[in-house]
Amino acid sequence: MEKTVPAFEARRQFGKMLQDVLSRGDKYVVERHGEPVAAVVPIEVYEQWKRSREAFFARLRDAAKKANMTPEEADAFAEETVLAVRSGRK
């Protein structure tokens, strides 16, 4: 289950949150002033995210090599791609 908690509550209830994450696989989004600022998730979720991210950038590097881009051009392309994904553009 995913829950949203204010930062103050997360600070007060951090031990319980960790227990919920460990025992039930709960996920928490921590907000400050109503804006999401962090997530507390099971380590498996975090590790999967890291692997996916690394694979994405490895594919991007391979594509840049095949496209004969300079590292600077590849960095600019990667930044543009990430911004597009985050904004929902295609």
PDB file of N, CA and C in Angstrom:
ATOM      1  N   MET A   1       0.846  -1.173   0.000  1.00  0.00           N
ATOM      2  CA  MET A   1       0.000   0.000   0.000  1.00  0.00           C
ATOM      3  C   MET A   1       0.898   1.244   0.000  1.00  0.00           C
ATOM      4  N   GLU A   2       0.511   2.254  -0.750  1.00  0.00           N
ATOM      5  CA  GLU A   2       1.244   3.516  -0.762  1.00  0.00           C
ATOM      6  C   GLU A   2       0.494   4.540   0.078  1.00  0.00           C
ATOM      7  N   LYS A   3       1.237   5.191   0.946  1.00  0.00           N
ATOM      8  CA  LYS A   3       0.647   6.198   1.827  1.00  0.00           C
ATOM      9  C   LYS A   3       1.429   7.495   1.672  1.00  0.00           C
ATOM     10  N   THR A   4       0.736   8.604   1.865  1.00  0.00           N
ATOM     11  CA  THR A   4       1.374   9.917   1.855  1.00  0.00           C
ATOM     12  C   THR A   4       1.345  10.454   3.271  1.00  0.00           C
ATOM     13  N   VAL A   5       2.513  10.929   3.731  1.00  0.00           N
ATOM     14  CA  VAL A   5       2.605  11.445   5.100  1.00  0.00           C
ATOM     15  C   VAL A   5       3.352  12.769   5.103  1.00  0.00           C
ATOM     16  N   PRO A   6       2.938  13.688   5.980  1.00  0.00           N
ATOM     17  CA  PRO A   6       3.695  14.931   6.140  1.00  0.00           C
ATOM     18  C   PRO A   6       5.062  14.625   6.767  1.00  0.00           C
ATOM     19  N   ALA A   7       6.045  15.461   6.495  1.00  0.00           N
ATOM     20  CA  ALA A   7       7.408  15.246   6.996  1.00  0.00           C
ATOM     21  C   ALA A   7       7.446  15.160   8.513  1.00  0.00           C
ATOM     22  N   PHE A   8       6.676  16.000   9.191  1.00  0.00           N
ATOM     23  CA  PHE A   8       6.679  15.982  10.657  1.00  0.00           C
ATOM     24  C   PHE A   8       6.215  14.626  11.182  1.00  0.00           C
ATOM     25  N   GLU A   9       5.157  14.093  10.584  1.00  0.00           N
ATOM     26  CA  GLU A   9       4.657  12.786  11.002  1.00  0.00           C
ATOM     27  C   GLU A   9       5.672  11.692  10.674  1.00  0.00           C
ATOM     28  N   ALA A  10       6.298  11.792   9.522  1.00  0.00           N
ATOM     29  CA  ALA A  10       7.315  10.804   9.140  1.00  0.00           C
ATOM     30  C   ALA A  10       8.452  10.789  10.161  1.00  0.00           C
ATOM     31  N   ARG A  11       8.836  11.960  10.625  1.00  0.00           N
ATOM     32  CA  ARG A  11       9.898  12.044  11.628  1.00  0.00           C
ATOM     33  C   ARG A  11       9.456  11.378  12.925  1.00  0.00           C
ATOM     34  N   ARG A  12       8.231  11.641  13.337  1.00  0.00           N
ATOM     35  CA  ARG A  12       7.732  11.084  14.601  1.00  0.00           C
ATOM     36  C   ARG A  12       7.482   9.584  14.511  1.00  0.00           C
ATOM     37  N   GLN A  13       7.080   9.108  13.332  1.00  0.00           N
ATOM     38  CA  GLN A  13       6.673   7.713  13.170  1.00  0.00           C
ATOM     39  C   GLN A  13       7.653   6.887  12.326  1.00  0.00           C
ATOM     40  N   PHE A  14       8.905   7.334  12.216  1.00  0.00           N
ATOM     41  CA  PHE A  14       9.830   6.688  11.290  1.00  0.00           C
ATOM     42  C   PHE A  14      10.035   5.204  11.602  1.00  0.00           C
ATOM     43  N   GLY A  15      10.167   4.853  12.852  1.00  0.00           N
ATOM     44  CA  GLY A  15      10.335   3.447  13.219  1.00  0.00           C
ATOM     45  C   GLY A  15       9.167   2.597  12.768  1.00  0.00           C
ATOM     46  N   LYS A  16       7.953   3.095  12.962  1.00  0.00           N
ATOM     47  CA  LYS A  16       6.760   2.367  12.531  1.00  0.00           C
ATOM     48  C   LYS A  16       6.715   2.276  11.010  1.00  0.00           C
ATOM     49  N   MET A  17       7.086   3.355  10.340  1.00  0.00           N
ATOM     50  CA  MET A  17       7.108   3.336   8.880  1.00  0.00           C
ATOM     51  C   MET A  17       8.059   2.256   8.378  1.00  0.00           C
ATOM     52  N   LEU A  18       9.256   2.205   8.966  1.00  0.00           N
ATOM     53  CA  LEU A  18      10.220   1.193   8.547  1.00  0.00           C
ATOM     54  C   LEU A  18       9.685  -0.213   8.783  1.00  0.00           C
ATOM     55  N   GLN A  19       9.026  -0.408   9.902  1.00  0.00           N
ATOM     56  CA  GLN A  19       8.451  -1.725  10.188  1.00  0.00           C
ATOM     57  C   GLN A  19       7.379  -2.080   9.161  1.00  0.00           C
ATOM     58  N   ASP A  20       6.541  -1.113   8.787  1.00  0.00           N
ATOM     59  CA  ASP A  20       5.507  -1.348   7.776  1.00  0.00           C
ATOM     60  C   ASP A  20       6.124  -1.662   6.409  1.00  0.00           C
ATOM     61  N   VAL A  21       7.200  -0.963   6.085  1.00  0.00           N
ATOM     62  CA  VAL A  21       7.893  -1.214   4.820  1.00  0.00           C
ATOM     63  C   VAL A  21       8.471  -2.626   4.833  1.00  0.00           C
ATOM     64  N   LEU A  22       9.112  -2.979   5.931  1.00  0.00           N
ATOM     65  CA  LEU A  22       9.755  -4.280   6.042  1.00  0.00           C
ATOM     66  C   LEU A  22       8.748  -5.427   6.083  1.00  0.00           C
ATOM     67  N   SER A  23       7.719  -5.288   6.888  1.00  0.00           N
ATOM     68  CA  SER A  23       6.804  -6.416   7.092  1.00  0.00           C
ATOM     69  C   SER A  23       5.701  -6.517   6.040  1.00  0.00           C
ATOM     70  N   ARG A  24       5.216  -5.381   5.531  1.00  0.00           N
ATOM     71  CA  ARG A  24       4.074  -5.413   4.610  1.00  0.00           C
ATOM     72  C   ARG A  24       4.389  -4.894   3.214  1.00  0.00           C
ATOM     73  N   GLY A  25       5.601  -4.359   3.049  1.00  0.00           N
ATOM     74  CA  GLY A  25       5.945  -3.815   1.736  1.00  0.00           C
ATOM     75  C   GLY A  25       5.304  -2.473   1.451  1.00  0.00           C
ATOM     76  N   ASP A  26       4.836  -1.781   2.515  1.00  0.00           N
ATOM     77  CA  ASP A  26       4.230  -0.461   2.318  1.00  0.00           C
ATOM     78  C   ASP A  26       5.238   0.508   1.715  1.00  0.00           C
ATOM     79  N   LYS A  27       4.705   1.506   1.036  1.00  0.00           N
ATOM     80  CA  LYS A  27       5.512   2.570   0.441  1.00  0.00           C
ATOM     81  C   LYS A  27       4.976   3.891   0.962  1.00  0.00           C
ATOM     82  N   TYR A  28       5.881   4.807   1.267  1.00  0.00           N
ATOM     83  CA  TYR A  28       5.488   6.116   1.790  1.00  0.00           C
ATOM     84  C   TYR A  28       6.044   7.218   0.905  1.00  0.00           C
ATOM     85  N   VAL A  29       5.206   8.203   0.637  1.00  0.00           N
ATOM     86  CA  VAL A  29       5.632   9.447   0.004  1.00  0.00           C
ATOM     87  C   VAL A  29       5.596  10.495   1.105  1.00  0.00           C
ATOM     88  N   VAL A  30       6.734  11.133   1.326  1.00  0.00           N
ATOM     89  CA  VAL A  30       6.842  12.136   2.385  1.00  0.00           C
ATOM     90  C   VAL A  30       6.696  13.512   1.750  1.00  0.00           C
ATOM     91  N   GLU A  31       5.796  14.306   2.320  1.00  0.00           N
ATOM     92  CA  GLU A  31       5.535  15.650   1.803  1.00  0.00           C
ATOM     93  C   GLU A  31       5.999  16.713   2.781  1.00  0.00           C
ATOM     94  N   ARG A  32       6.442  17.811   2.232  1.00  0.00           N
ATOM     95  CA  ARG A  32       6.745  19.003   3.024  1.00  0.00           C
ATOM     96  C   ARG A  32       5.958  20.143   2.400  1.00  0.00           C
ATOM     97  N   HIS A  33       5.140  20.779   3.208  1.00  0.00           N
ATOM     98  CA  HIS A  33       4.281  21.872   2.732  1.00  0.00           C
ATOM     99  C   HIS A  33       3.408  21.415   1.568  1.00  0.00           C
ATOM    100  N   GLY A  34       2.942  20.162   1.639  1.00  0.00           N
ATOM    101  CA  GLY A  34       2.049  19.632   0.618  1.00  0.00           C
ATOM    102  C   GLY A  34       2.716  19.172  -0.662  1.00  0.00           C
ATOM    103  N   GLU A  35       4.036  19.259  -0.745  1.00  0.00           N
ATOM    104  CA  GLU A  35       4.769  18.841  -1.947  1.00  0.00           C
ATOM    105  C   GLU A  35       5.553  17.571  -1.655  1.00  0.00           C
ATOM    106  N   PRO A  36       5.479  16.570  -2.533  1.00  0.00           N
ATOM    107  CA  PRO A  36       6.261  15.356  -2.314  1.00  0.00           C
ATOM    108  C   PRO A  36       7.758  15.658  -2.411  1.00  0.00           C
ATOM    109  N   VAL A  37       8.530  15.161  -1.422  1.00  0.00           N
ATOM    110  CA  VAL A  37       9.973  15.424  -1.413  1.00  0.00           C
ATOM    111  C   VAL A  37      10.815  14.155  -1.300  1.00  0.00           C
ATOM    112  N   ALA A  38      10.232  13.047  -0.858  1.00  0.00           N
ATOM    113  CA  ALA A  38      11.012  11.818  -0.681  1.00  0.00           C
ATOM    114  C   ALA A  38      10.065  10.629  -0.672  1.00  0.00           C
ATOM    115  N   ALA A  39      10.667   9.454  -0.834  1.00  0.00           N
ATOM    116  CA  ALA A  39       9.898   8.216  -0.752  1.00  0.00           C
ATOM    117  C   ALA A  39      10.646   7.225   0.128  1.00  0.00           C
ATOM    118  N   VAL A  40       9.890   6.461   0.885  1.00  0.00           N
ATOM    119  CA  VAL A  40      10.444   5.363   1.669  1.00  0.00           C
ATOM    120  C   VAL A  40       9.812   4.101   1.088  1.00  0.00           C
ATOM    121  N   VAL A  41      10.652   3.261   0.495  1.00  0.00           N
ATOM    122  CA  VAL A  41      10.170   2.080  -0.209  1.00  0.00           C
ATOM    123  C   VAL A  41      10.992   0.864   0.205  1.00  0.00           C
ATOM    124  N   PRO A  42      10.473  -0.332  -0.034  1.00  0.00           N
ATOM    125  CA  PRO A  42      11.279  -1.526   0.238  1.00  0.00           C
ATOM    126  C   PRO A  42      12.569  -1.487  -0.582  1.00  0.00           C
ATOM    127  N   ILE A  43      13.629  -2.038  -0.025  1.00  0.00           N
ATOM    128  CA  ILE A  43      14.928  -1.991  -0.695  1.00  0.00           C
ATOM    129  C   ILE A  43      14.870  -2.653  -2.065  1.00  0.00           C
ATOM    130  N   GLU A  44      14.022  -3.655  -2.237  1.00  0.00           N
ATOM    131  CA  GLU A  44      13.905  -4.324  -3.532  1.00  0.00           C
ATOM    132  C   GLU A  44      13.408  -3.351  -4.607  1.00  0.00           C
ATOM    133  N   VAL A  45      12.492  -2.493  -4.238  1.00  0.00           N
ATOM    134  CA  VAL A  45      11.973  -1.494  -5.173  1.00  0.00           C
ATOM    135  C   VAL A  45      13.084  -0.522  -5.550  1.00  0.00           C
ATOM    136  N   TYR A  46      13.845  -0.079  -4.563  1.00  0.00           N
ATOM    137  CA  TYR A  46      14.951   0.844  -4.816  1.00  0.00           C
ATOM    138  C   TYR A  46      16.010   0.191  -5.708  1.00  0.00           C
ATOM    139  N   GLU A  47      16.375  -1.053  -5.406  1.00  0.00           N
ATOM    140  CA  GLU A  47      17.390  -1.754  -6.201  1.00  0.00           C
ATOM    141  C   GLU A  47      16.915  -1.942  -7.639  1.00  0.00           C
ATOM    142  N   GLN A  48      15.638  -2.264  -7.818  1.00  0.00           N
ATOM    143  CA  GLN A  48      15.083  -2.417  -9.167  1.00  0.00           C
ATOM    144  C   GLN A  48      15.148  -1.085  -9.916  1.00  0.00           C
ATOM    145  N   TRP A  49      14.827   0.000  -9.234  1.00  0.00           N
ATOM    146  CA  TRP A  49      14.898   1.328  -9.849  1.00  0.00           C
ATOM    147  C   TRP A  49      16.326   1.625 -10.297  1.00  0.00           C
ATOM    148  N   LYS A  50      17.306   1.313  -9.424  1.00  0.00           N
ATOM    149  CA  LYS A  50      18.702   1.561  -9.784  1.00  0.00           C
ATOM    150  C   LYS A  50      19.119   0.752 -11.009  1.00  0.00           C
ATOM    151  N   ARG A  51      18.733  -0.518 -11.041  1.00  0.00           N
ATOM    152  CA  ARG A  51      19.087  -1.359 -12.193  1.00  0.00           C
ATOM    153  C   ARG A  51      18.449  -0.820 -13.467  1.00  0.00           C
ATOM    154  N   SER A  52      17.187  -0.427 -13.388  1.00  0.00           N
ATOM    155  CA  SER A  52      16.494   0.117 -14.561  1.00  0.00           C
ATOM    156  C   SER A  52      17.160   1.391 -15.051  1.00  0.00           C
ATOM    157  N   ARG A  53      17.523   2.237 -14.113  1.00  0.00           N
ATOM    158  CA  ARG A  53      18.173   3.505 -14.461  1.00  0.00           C
ATOM    159  C   ARG A  53      19.527   3.253 -15.117  1.00  0.00           C
ATOM    160  N   GLU A  54      20.317   2.348 -14.529  1.00  0.00           N
ATOM    161  CA  GLU A  54      21.622   2.022 -15.108  1.00  0.00           C
ATOM    162  C   GLU A  54      21.481   1.435 -16.503  1.00  0.00           C
ATOM    163  N   ALA A  55      20.494   0.553 -16.689  1.00  0.00           N
ATOM    164  CA  ALA A  55      20.265  -0.041 -18.006  1.00  0.00           C
ATOM    165  C   ALA A  55      19.844   1.018 -19.020  1.00  0.00           C
ATOM    166  N   PHE A  56      18.996   1.949 -18.590  1.00  0.00           N
ATOM    167  CA  PHE A  56      18.567   3.028 -19.477  1.00  0.00           C
ATOM    168  C   PHE A  56      19.765   3.841 -19.962  1.00  0.00           C
ATOM    169  N   PHE A  57      20.638   4.231 -19.037  1.00  0.00           N
ATOM    170  CA  PHE A  57      21.785   5.047 -19.430  1.00  0.00           C
ATOM    171  C   PHE A  57      22.805   4.241 -20.226  1.00  0.00           C
ATOM    172  N   ALA A  58      22.906   2.948 -19.985  1.00  0.00           N
ATOM    173  CA  ALA A  58      23.790   2.105 -20.799  1.00  0.00           C
ATOM    174  C   ALA A  58      23.273   2.056 -22.238  1.00  0.00           C
ATOM    175  N   ARG A  59      21.955   1.888 -22.389  1.00  0.00           N
ATOM    176  CA  ARG A  59      21.368   1.896 -23.737  1.00  0.00           C
ATOM    177  C   ARG A  59      21.568   3.251 -24.405  1.00  0.00           C
ATOM    178  N   LEU A  60      21.445   4.300 -23.636  1.00  0.00           N
ATOM    179  CA  LEU A  60      21.632   5.639 -24.178  1.00  0.00           C
ATOM    180  C   LEU A  60      23.068   5.829 -24.655  1.00  0.00           C
ATOM    181  N   ARG A  61      24.036   5.348 -23.855  1.00  0.00           N
ATOM    182  CA  ARG A  61      25.452   5.443 -24.259  1.00  0.00           C
ATOM    183  C   ARG A  61      25.699   4.641 -25.531  1.00  0.00           C
ATOM    184  N   ASP A  62      25.133   3.440 -25.607  1.00  0.00           N
ATOM    185  CA  ASP A  62      25.298   2.624 -26.814  1.00  0.00           C
ATOM    186  C   ASP A  62      24.713   3.321 -28.032  1.00  0.00           C
ATOM    187  N   ALA A  63      23.532   3.908 -27.866  1.00  0.00           N
ATOM    188  CA  ALA A  63      22.909   4.627 -28.985  1.00  0.00           C
ATOM    189  C   ALA A  63      23.757   5.813 -29.401  1.00  0.00           C
ATOM    190  N   ALA A  64      24.345   6.497 -28.423  1.00  0.00           N
ATOM    191  CA  ALA A  64      25.190   7.654 -28.739  1.00  0.00           C
ATOM    192  C   ALA A  64      26.414   7.218 -29.529  1.00  0.00           C
ATOM    193  N   LYS A  65      27.005   6.092 -29.142  1.00  0.00           N
ATOM    194  CA  LYS A  65      28.173   5.587 -29.879  1.00  0.00           C
ATOM    195  C   LYS A  65      27.794   5.246 -31.310  1.00  0.00           C
ATOM    196  N   LYS A  66      26.654   4.586 -31.456  1.00  0.00           N
ATOM    197  CA  LYS A  66      26.203   4.203 -32.796  1.00  0.00           C
ATOM    198  C   LYS A  66      25.849   5.423 -33.629  1.00  0.00           C
ATOM    199  N   ALA A  67      25.385   6.478 -32.980  1.00  0.00           N
ATOM    200  CA  ALA A  67      25.010   7.702 -33.683  1.00  0.00           C
ATOM    201  C   ALA A  67      26.218   8.603 -33.902  1.00  0.00           C
ATOM    202  N   ASN A  68      27.374   8.189 -33.355  1.00  0.00           N
ATOM    203  CA  ASN A  68      28.619   8.935 -33.513  1.00  0.00           C
ATOM    204  C   ASN A  68      28.540  10.323 -32.871  1.00  0.00           C
ATOM    205  N   MET A  69      27.954  10.405 -31.677  1.00  0.00           N
ATOM    206  CA  MET A  69      27.840  11.661 -30.941  1.00  0.00           C
ATOM    207  C   MET A  69      29.064  11.844 -30.047  1.00  0.00           C
ATOM    208  N   THR A  70      29.387  13.092 -29.801  1.00  0.00           N
ATOM    209  CA  THR A  70      30.426  13.385 -28.811  1.00  0.00           C
ATOM    210  C   THR A  70      29.818  13.181 -27.419  1.00  0.00           C
ATOM    211  N   PRO A  71      30.657  13.011 -26.404  1.00  0.00           N
ATOM    212  CA  PRO A  71      30.105  12.891 -25.044  1.00  0.00           C
ATOM    213  C   PRO A  71      29.232  14.079 -24.655  1.00  0.00           C
ATOM    214  N   GLU A  72      29.609  15.275 -25.085  1.00  0.00           N
ATOM    215  CA  GLU A  72      28.821  16.457 -24.761  1.00  0.00           C
ATOM    216  C   GLU A  72      27.460  16.412 -25.438  1.00  0.00           C
ATOM    217  N   GLU A  73      27.437  15.982 -26.696  1.00  0.00           N
ATOM    218  CA  GLU A  73      26.166  15.853 -27.410  1.00  0.00           C
ATOM    219  C   GLU A  73      25.288  14.776 -26.767  1.00  0.00           C
ATOM    220  N   ALA A  74      25.913  13.677 -26.363  1.00  0.00           N
ATOM    221  CA  ALA A  74      25.169  12.601 -25.715  1.00  0.00           C
ATOM    222  C   ALA A  74      24.589  13.078 -24.384  1.00  0.00           C
ATOM    223  N   ASP A  75      25.369  13.848 -23.607  1.00  0.00           N
ATOM    224  CA  ASP A  75      24.867  14.395 -22.343  1.00  0.00           C
ATOM    225  C   ASP A  75      23.672  15.313 -22.579  1.00  0.00           C
ATOM    226  N   ALA A  76      23.784  16.165 -23.578  1.00  0.00           N
ATOM    227  CA  ALA A  76      22.688  17.086 -23.888  1.00  0.00           C
ATOM    228  C   ALA A  76      21.446  16.305 -24.324  1.00  0.00           C
ATOM    229  N   PHE A  77      21.648  15.279 -25.127  1.00  0.00           N
ATOM    230  CA  PHE A  77      20.531  14.442 -25.568  1.00  0.00           C
ATOM    231  C   PHE A  77      19.892  13.723 -24.387  1.00  0.00           C
ATOM    232  N   ALA A  78      20.719  13.205 -23.489  1.00  0.00           N
ATOM    233  CA  ALA A  78      20.201  12.509 -22.298  1.00  0.00           C
ATOM    234  C   ALA A  78      19.388  13.466 -21.443  1.00  0.00           C
ATOM    235  N   GLU A  79      19.898  14.659 -21.230  1.00  0.00           N
ATOM    236  CA  GLU A  79      19.167  15.640 -20.415  1.00  0.00           C
ATOM    237  C   GLU A  79      17.832  15.987 -21.056  1.00  0.00           C
ATOM    238  N   GLU A  80      17.850  16.191 -22.357  1.00  0.00           N
ATOM    239  CA  GLU A  80      16.609  16.504 -23.080  1.00  0.00           C
ATOM    240  C   GLU A  80      15.616  15.355 -22.981  1.00  0.00           C
ATOM    241  N   THR A  81      16.106  14.127 -23.094  1.00  0.00           N
ATOM    242  CA  THR A  81      15.252  12.953 -23.010  1.00  0.00           C
ATOM    243  C   THR A  81      14.624  12.821 -21.629  1.00  0.00           C
ATOM    244  N   VAL A  82      15.425  12.991 -20.591  1.00  0.00           N
ATOM    245  CA  VAL A  82      14.924  12.887 -19.224  1.00  0.00           C
ATOM    246  C   VAL A  82      13.859  13.951 -18.973  1.00  0.00           C
ATOM    247  N   LEU A  83      14.118  15.172 -19.397  1.00  0.00           N
ATOM    248  CA  LEU A  83      13.137  16.243 -19.215  1.00  0.00           C
ATOM    249  C   LEU A  83      11.844  15.940 -19.956  1.00  0.00           C
ATOM    250  N   ALA A  84      11.964  15.383 -21.147  1.00  0.00           N
ATOM    251  CA  ALA A  84      10.776  15.045 -21.925  1.00  0.00           C
ATOM    252  C   ALA A  84       9.965  13.952 -21.230  1.00  0.00           C
ATOM    253  N   VAL A  85      10.650  12.944 -20.716  1.00  0.00           N
ATOM    254  CA  VAL A  85       9.961  11.850 -20.021  1.00  0.00           C
ATOM    255  C   VAL A  85       9.260  12.384 -18.777  1.00  0.00           C
ATOM    256  N   ARG A  86       9.955  13.215 -18.015  1.00  0.00           N
ATOM    257  CA  ARG A  86       9.374  13.752 -16.793  1.00  0.00           C
ATOM    258  C   ARG A  86       8.178  14.658 -17.057  1.00  0.00           C
ATOM    259  N   SER A  87       8.199  15.355 -18.176  1.00  0.00           N
ATOM    260  CA  SER A  87       7.086  16.267 -18.477  1.00  0.00           C
ATOM    261  C   SER A  87       5.942  15.571 -19.197  1.00  0.00           C
ATOM    262  N   GLY A  88       6.155  14.303 -19.578  1.00  0.00           N
ATOM    263  CA  GLY A  88       5.115  13.558 -20.248  1.00  0.00           C
ATOM    264  C   GLY A  88       5.114  13.722 -21.751  1.00  0.00           C
ATOM    265  N   ARG A  89       6.131  14.440 -22.281  1.00  0.00           N
ATOM    266  CA  ARG A  89       6.213  14.598 -23.739  1.00  0.00           C
ATOM    267  C   ARG A  89       6.807  13.335 -24.355  1.00  0.00           C
ATOM    268  N   LYS A  90       6.618  13.199 -25.642  1.00  0.00           N
ATOM    269  CA  LYS A  90       7.202  12.056 -26.365  1.00  0.00           C
ATOM    270  C   LYS A  90       8.091  12.543 -27.459  1.00  0.00           C
TER     271      LYS A  90
END
